[in-house]
Protein backbone atom coordinates (compact mmCIF):
# COMPACT_ATOMS: atom_id res chain seq x y z
CA MET A 1 125.04 119.80 80.88
CA VAL A 2 123.33 116.75 79.32
CA TRP A 3 125.74 116.90 76.41
CA VAL A 4 128.70 116.92 78.76
CA MET A 5 127.38 114.03 80.75
CA ASN A 6 126.77 111.96 77.66
CA ALA A 7 130.24 112.86 76.30
CA ASP A 8 131.84 111.74 79.55
CA ILE A 9 130.00 108.43 79.38
CA SER A 10 131.00 107.91 75.76
CA GLY A 11 134.60 108.52 76.72
CA VAL A 12 134.42 105.98 79.51
CA GLN A 13 132.82 103.42 77.22
CA GLY A 14 135.45 104.08 74.62
CA LEU A 15 138.30 103.50 77.09
CA VAL A 16 136.72 100.25 78.18
CA ALA A 17 136.17 99.19 74.56
CA ALA A 18 139.79 100.03 73.71
CA GLY A 19 140.97 98.01 76.68
CA ARG A 20 139.02 95.00 75.46
CA GLY A 21 140.74 95.15 72.14
CA ASP A 22 144.22 95.27 73.58
CA ARG A 23 144.64 91.59 74.23
CA THR A 24 148.42 91.97 74.88
CA ALA A 25 147.89 94.49 77.68
CA VAL A 26 145.20 92.30 79.21
CA ALA A 27 147.46 89.31 79.12
CA ARG A 28 150.25 91.24 80.82
CA ASP A 29 148.06 92.49 83.70
CA GLY A 30 144.57 90.95 83.49
CA VAL A 31 143.73 91.70 87.10
CA ALA A 32 144.67 95.39 86.85
CA TYR A 33 142.72 95.74 83.61
CA CYS A 34 139.57 94.12 85.09
CA LEU A 35 139.69 96.39 88.13
CA ALA A 36 140.14 99.45 85.90
CA ALA A 37 137.30 98.46 83.60
CA THR A 38 135.01 97.78 86.50
CA ARG A 39 135.74 101.26 87.94
CA LEU A 40 135.14 102.86 84.58
CA LEU A 41 131.85 101.00 84.07
CA LEU A 42 130.71 101.93 87.53
CA LEU A 43 131.52 105.53 86.84
CA ALA A 44 129.56 105.40 83.60
CA SER A 45 126.53 103.96 85.29
CA LEU A 46 126.65 106.58 88.02
CA LEU A 47 126.90 109.40 85.49
CA ALA A 48 124.03 107.95 83.49
CA ALA A 49 121.79 107.79 86.49
CA ALA A 50 122.73 111.15 88.00
CA PRO A 51 120.15 113.95 87.84
CA ALA A 52 120.85 116.78 85.54
CA LEU A 53 121.61 120.28 86.76
CA ALA A 54 118.93 122.92 86.39
CA ASP A 55 118.37 124.49 83.00
CA THR A 56 120.22 127.90 82.94
CA TYR A 57 119.65 130.22 79.99
CA PRO A 58 121.01 133.62 79.05
CA LEU A 59 118.26 136.11 79.75
CA PRO A 60 116.89 137.46 76.44
CA PRO A 61 116.26 141.25 75.96
CA ASP A 62 113.05 142.62 77.26
CA HIS A 63 111.31 142.51 73.87
CA GLU A 64 112.02 138.73 73.55
CA ALA A 65 110.87 135.83 75.76
CA VAL A 66 111.96 132.53 74.25
CA VAL A 67 114.84 130.51 75.74
CA GLY A 68 116.42 127.13 75.02
CA GLU A 69 116.03 124.64 72.20
CA PRO A 70 114.07 121.39 71.91
CA GLU A 71 116.01 118.22 72.52
CA GLU A 72 115.49 114.47 72.04
CA VAL A 73 116.89 111.41 73.74
CA LEU A 74 116.76 107.71 73.03
CA ALA A 75 115.20 105.63 75.79
CA SER A 76 116.94 102.49 77.01
CA HIS A 77 115.14 99.23 77.64
CA SER A 78 114.89 100.02 81.39
CA ASP A 79 113.98 103.69 81.21
CA THR A 80 110.63 105.12 82.29
CA LEU A 81 109.59 108.68 81.57
CA ILE A 82 109.98 109.41 85.27
CA ASP A 83 113.63 108.37 84.98
CA LEU A 84 114.20 110.48 81.89
CA ALA A 85 112.36 113.46 83.37
CA ARG A 86 114.57 113.68 86.48
CA ARG A 87 117.73 112.93 84.47
CA HIS A 88 117.03 115.84 82.15
CA GLY A 89 115.63 118.39 84.63
CA LEU A 90 111.96 117.92 83.72
CA GLY A 91 108.80 117.06 85.63
CA PHE A 92 106.59 114.12 84.96
CA GLU A 93 103.61 115.85 83.41
CA GLU A 94 105.62 118.02 81.07
CA ILE A 95 107.57 115.05 79.63
CA VAL A 96 104.32 113.00 79.26
CA ASN A 97 102.50 115.93 77.57
CA ALA A 98 105.38 116.40 75.13
CA ASN A 99 105.27 112.71 74.15
CA PRO A 100 101.67 111.72 73.50
CA GLY A 101 101.30 108.02 72.72
CA VAL A 102 104.49 107.05 74.53
CA ASP A 103 104.02 104.58 77.36
CA PRO A 104 105.30 106.49 80.44
CA TRP A 105 106.28 103.26 82.26
CA LEU A 106 107.86 101.46 79.35
CA PRO A 107 108.83 103.65 76.45
CA GLY A 108 110.96 100.88 74.98
CA ALA A 109 114.53 100.70 73.88
CA GLY A 110 115.37 103.15 71.08
CA MET A 111 112.19 105.19 71.49
CA ARG A 112 112.82 108.86 70.71
CA VAL A 113 111.60 110.96 73.62
CA ARG A 114 111.13 114.64 73.18
CA LEU A 115 112.51 116.92 75.88
CA PRO A 116 110.61 120.22 76.00
CA LYS A 117 113.62 122.46 76.61
CA ARG A 118 112.55 125.42 74.53
CA ARG A 119 110.38 127.62 76.77
CA ILE A 120 108.54 130.89 76.70
CA LEU A 121 109.20 132.94 79.85
CA PRO A 122 106.03 133.74 81.85
CA ASP A 123 104.54 137.18 81.43
CA ALA A 124 105.71 138.43 84.85
CA PRO A 125 108.48 140.63 86.18
CA ARG A 126 111.91 139.18 85.58
CA GLU A 127 112.96 139.32 89.22
CA GLY A 128 113.27 136.85 92.00
CA ILE A 129 111.14 133.77 91.68
CA VAL A 130 108.23 133.29 89.22
CA ILE A 131 106.16 130.11 89.36
CA ASN A 132 103.71 129.27 86.51
CA LEU A 133 101.27 126.78 87.92
CA ALA A 134 99.98 125.73 84.50
CA GLU A 135 103.36 124.47 83.39
CA HIS A 136 104.54 123.11 86.73
CA ARG A 137 107.71 125.18 86.47
CA LEU A 138 109.64 127.67 88.55
CA TYR A 139 111.91 130.37 87.08
CA TYR A 140 114.60 132.12 89.15
CA TYR A 141 116.11 135.38 88.01
CA PRO A 142 119.25 135.88 90.06
CA ALA A 143 120.63 139.38 90.48
CA PRO A 144 123.76 139.70 88.29
CA LYS A 145 127.12 140.03 89.99
CA GLY A 146 129.19 142.90 88.63
CA GLN A 147 129.38 142.75 84.85
CA GLU A 148 128.14 139.19 84.62
CA PRO A 149 125.35 138.71 81.98
CA ARG A 150 121.91 138.01 83.44
CA VAL A 151 120.49 134.48 83.35
CA VAL A 152 117.28 132.72 84.20
CA ILE A 153 117.32 129.32 86.00
CA SER A 154 114.39 126.97 85.72
CA TYR A 155 113.18 123.95 87.76
CA PRO A 156 110.20 121.64 87.57
CA VAL A 157 107.81 121.85 90.49
CA SER A 158 104.74 120.06 91.89
CA VAL A 159 101.81 122.30 92.69
CA GLY A 160 98.52 122.08 94.67
CA LYS A 161 95.90 119.52 93.73
CA MET A 162 92.30 120.30 92.94
CA ASP A 163 90.95 121.11 96.48
CA TRP A 164 94.27 122.44 97.70
CA ALA A 165 95.09 125.06 95.03
CA THR A 166 98.40 126.93 95.24
CA PRO A 167 97.43 130.61 95.73
CA ILE A 168 98.04 133.03 92.94
CA GLY A 169 99.61 136.44 93.69
CA VAL A 170 102.75 138.26 94.76
CA THR A 171 104.57 137.34 97.97
CA ARG A 172 108.16 136.85 99.13
CA ILE A 173 110.48 134.44 100.87
CA ALA A 174 109.81 134.99 104.59
CA MET A 175 112.07 132.32 106.06
CA LYS A 176 114.61 129.70 105.04
CA ILE A 177 114.66 126.48 107.07
CA ARG A 178 117.31 123.69 106.95
CA ASN A 179 116.14 120.25 108.07
CA PRO A 180 112.52 121.32 108.57
CA THR A 181 109.98 119.61 110.73
CA TRP A 182 106.42 119.32 109.35
CA THR A 183 103.33 120.07 111.38
CA PRO A 184 100.48 118.84 109.14
CA PRO A 185 97.24 120.77 109.50
CA GLU A 186 94.32 118.89 111.05
CA SER A 187 92.59 118.81 107.66
CA VAL A 188 95.55 117.05 106.12
CA ARG A 189 95.69 114.60 108.96
CA GLN A 190 92.04 113.80 108.51
CA GLU A 191 92.52 113.35 104.80
CA HIS A 192 95.32 110.78 105.36
CA LEU A 193 93.28 109.06 108.14
CA LYS A 194 90.49 108.40 105.58
CA ASN A 195 93.11 106.52 103.54
CA GLY A 196 94.20 104.48 106.61
CA GLU A 197 97.35 106.51 107.24
CA VAL A 198 97.93 108.02 110.65
CA LEU A 199 100.05 111.16 110.54
CA PRO A 200 101.85 112.37 113.72
CA LYS A 201 101.15 115.88 114.83
CA VAL A 202 104.77 116.69 114.09
CA VAL A 203 106.91 114.85 111.56
CA PRO A 204 110.60 115.17 112.56
CA ALA A 205 113.35 116.29 110.25
CA GLY A 206 115.06 113.55 108.31
CA PRO A 207 114.78 111.34 105.15
CA ASP A 208 111.10 110.53 105.81
CA ASN A 209 109.96 114.14 106.09
CA PRO A 210 107.71 115.13 103.15
CA LEU A 211 109.34 118.63 103.15
CA GLY A 212 112.76 117.13 102.39
CA LEU A 213 115.90 118.78 103.78
CA PHE A 214 115.29 122.41 102.69
CA ALA A 215 112.22 124.61 102.88
CA MET A 216 111.44 128.28 102.17
CA ARG A 217 108.32 129.65 103.82
CA LEU A 218 106.29 132.21 101.88
CA ALA A 219 104.94 135.41 103.43
CA ILE A 220 101.33 134.33 102.77
CA PRO A 221 99.18 134.83 105.89
CA GLY A 222 99.00 131.62 108.00
CA GLY A 223 102.47 130.57 107.01
CA ALA A 224 101.33 127.29 105.49
CA TYR A 225 102.73 127.69 101.96
CA MET A 226 106.32 126.76 101.20
CA ILE A 227 108.79 126.00 98.46
CA HIS A 228 110.46 122.77 99.61
CA GLY A 229 112.03 119.49 98.83
CA THR A 230 110.46 116.04 98.97
CA ASN A 231 111.02 112.44 100.09
CA LYS A 232 109.08 111.31 97.05
CA PRO A 233 110.83 112.78 94.00
CA ALA A 234 108.77 110.70 91.52
CA GLY A 235 105.89 113.13 92.08
CA VAL A 236 107.77 116.28 91.08
CA GLY A 237 106.11 118.06 88.19
CA MET A 238 102.61 116.87 89.08
CA GLN A 239 99.54 118.45 90.67
CA VAL A 240 99.75 116.48 93.91
CA THR A 241 100.50 118.83 96.87
CA HIS A 242 98.38 120.48 99.49
CA GLY A 243 99.23 123.88 98.05
CA CYS A 244 103.03 123.95 98.47
CA MET A 245 105.54 123.90 95.66
CA ARG A 246 107.79 120.78 95.69
CA LEU A 247 111.15 120.39 93.96
CA TYR A 248 113.61 117.55 93.43
CA PRO A 249 116.00 117.26 96.39
CA GLU A 250 119.03 118.37 94.29
CA ASP A 251 117.02 121.35 92.95
CA ILE A 252 115.82 122.72 96.21
CA GLU A 253 119.30 122.37 97.69
CA ALA A 254 120.68 124.48 94.83
CA LEU A 255 117.88 127.04 94.94
CA PHE A 256 118.06 127.31 98.68
CA GLY A 257 121.70 128.27 98.49
CA MET A 258 121.06 131.10 95.97
CA VAL A 259 117.80 132.68 97.26
CA ALA A 260 117.79 135.14 100.06
CA GLU A 261 114.98 135.92 102.53
CA GLY A 262 112.96 138.72 101.21
CA THR A 263 113.20 137.58 97.55
CA PRO A 264 109.97 138.39 95.68
CA VAL A 265 107.89 135.43 94.51
CA HIS A 266 105.29 135.85 91.77
CA ILE A 267 102.85 132.92 91.42
CA VAL A 268 100.83 132.98 88.14
CA ASN A 269 98.66 130.68 86.10
CA GLN A 270 99.35 131.10 82.43
CA PRO A 271 98.25 128.03 80.40
CA HIS A 272 99.05 129.84 77.15
CA LYS A 273 102.12 131.94 76.55
CA THR A 274 103.53 133.82 73.58
CA GLY A 275 106.85 135.42 73.02
CA TRP A 276 109.33 136.58 70.38
CA ARG A 277 112.81 135.41 69.40
CA ALA A 278 114.77 136.60 66.34
CA GLY A 279 111.70 137.80 64.43
CA GLN A 280 109.61 134.76 65.10
CA LEU A 281 106.55 134.63 67.35
CA TYR A 282 106.17 131.49 69.48
CA ALA A 283 103.12 130.07 71.24
CA GLU A 284 103.02 127.49 74.03
CA VAL A 285 99.92 125.86 75.59
CA HIS A 286 99.58 123.60 78.62
CA PRO A 287 96.72 121.36 79.68
CA PRO A 288 94.19 122.67 82.24
CA LEU A 289 94.82 122.26 85.95
CA GLU A 290 92.15 120.51 88.02
CA SER A 291 90.94 123.22 90.43
CA THR A 292 87.85 124.60 92.14
CA ASP A 293 89.53 128.01 92.25
CA ALA A 294 87.82 130.38 89.86
CA ARG A 295 91.12 132.17 89.24
CA ILE A 296 92.65 129.04 87.73
CA VAL A 297 91.57 129.55 84.13
CA ASP A 298 91.69 126.75 81.54
CA PRO A 299 93.38 127.22 78.17
CA ASP A 300 91.08 128.81 75.67
CA LEU A 301 91.49 129.08 71.90
CA GLN A 302 90.09 132.57 71.65
CA ALA A 303 92.33 133.73 74.47
CA LEU A 304 95.34 132.31 72.60
CA VAL A 305 94.20 134.02 69.40
CA ARG A 306 93.93 137.33 71.27
CA LEU A 307 97.48 136.89 72.65
CA VAL A 308 98.87 136.07 69.22
CA THR A 309 97.00 139.06 67.65
CA GLN A 310 98.25 141.45 70.31
CA GLN A 311 101.79 140.34 69.77
CA ALA A 312 101.64 140.46 65.98
CA VAL A 313 99.66 143.64 65.38
CA ALA A 314 102.61 145.99 65.76
CA ARG A 315 104.96 143.93 63.57
CA PRO A 316 104.91 143.11 59.86
CA VAL A 317 104.46 139.39 60.24
CA THR A 318 102.41 136.62 58.79
CA VAL A 319 100.55 134.53 61.35
CA GLY A 320 100.01 130.87 60.70
CA TRP A 321 96.53 130.40 62.17
CA PRO A 322 96.38 126.65 61.45
CA GLU A 323 99.66 126.30 63.31
CA THR A 324 98.30 128.38 66.18
CA GLU A 325 95.23 126.15 66.44
CA ALA A 326 97.39 123.04 66.26
CA VAL A 327 99.47 124.32 69.26
CA TYR A 328 96.26 124.83 71.24
CA THR A 329 94.79 121.43 70.29
CA ALA A 330 98.01 119.60 71.19
CA ALA A 331 98.46 121.40 74.48
CA ALA A 332 101.89 119.71 74.68
CA GLY A 333 103.79 122.43 76.39
CA LEU A 334 106.03 122.83 73.29
CA ALA A 335 107.04 126.36 72.33
CA THR A 336 106.29 126.49 68.57
CA ALA A 337 106.73 129.22 66.04
CA VAL A 338 103.38 130.47 64.70
CA ALA A 339 104.46 133.73 62.96
CA SER A 340 107.52 135.06 61.22
CA ASN A 341 108.76 138.07 59.30
CA GLU A 342 109.31 135.71 56.39
CA THR A 343 106.77 132.97 56.43
CA ALA A 344 104.12 131.33 58.59
CA GLY A 345 104.55 127.97 60.27
CA VAL A 346 108.19 128.05 60.98
CA LYS A 347 109.10 125.09 63.18
């Protein structure tokens, strides 16, 4: 989708450039040319600013788990990493982690920004919705229609902050709500009050509602946990919520339209993942979450080594242990090959 978008913009820019060079045509109808060029430039700017569609990948066979390929993009002088994240279907923390040393607020014109688009699917059933808290990412496995090949669709999400951890476990979509109202718990109202912000007992539906325009309530006792949109998209992909999972407005609208009530939801915390593709073993590590929940485990080198060993023991491969340790140390969320049938350290 990004390639198509860039191609469209290039075509528009090419048409405008060609028009500039045709002085005879401009002289014949300067007003018409200016209007056309203005429309084309406006279209180009709109396309450049538009959010990307979700990442959709063909679902690999059961014995493999790696999807996508890494990408890069050149930042413009006005880009921030927040801009680039939303434009390319990423969350804030994952694009920052993938680009250590890059100023998130002013990368600079011409800066190469890595887009972590190659991913290892979480170790969870490939059905319904799977949310991996550690990587701030949701995976949706739609049921195939007829003979259509299966796919997996992925979105960045915000998750619960330290004292408001998103619960781990298996649940389902209990209710879908358009234009939801928000009734903040008293504890949340008190938290906001300490910061000088008075929350009403009920926040009406509309553009100022923190739930956005679409919400899906989970069947967790109490009914407090939801997958929903937001009126503050800059925070998507961060650990900032009171336990809910927050998506970009365009992403929740698309997901809301595909997901049915009763859809299973698996919430996991997997800071390190491993998976195969085409004879190569990949590893991926994410930074630890801030949490007081004992079930939210931090990444651990020995745990990663055990995962790699378990994956490699049944196959005649050579493991690159220095590469494995480098993946753990970087914790950049980049799926990297650490073992191969042919040689270690395949990039």
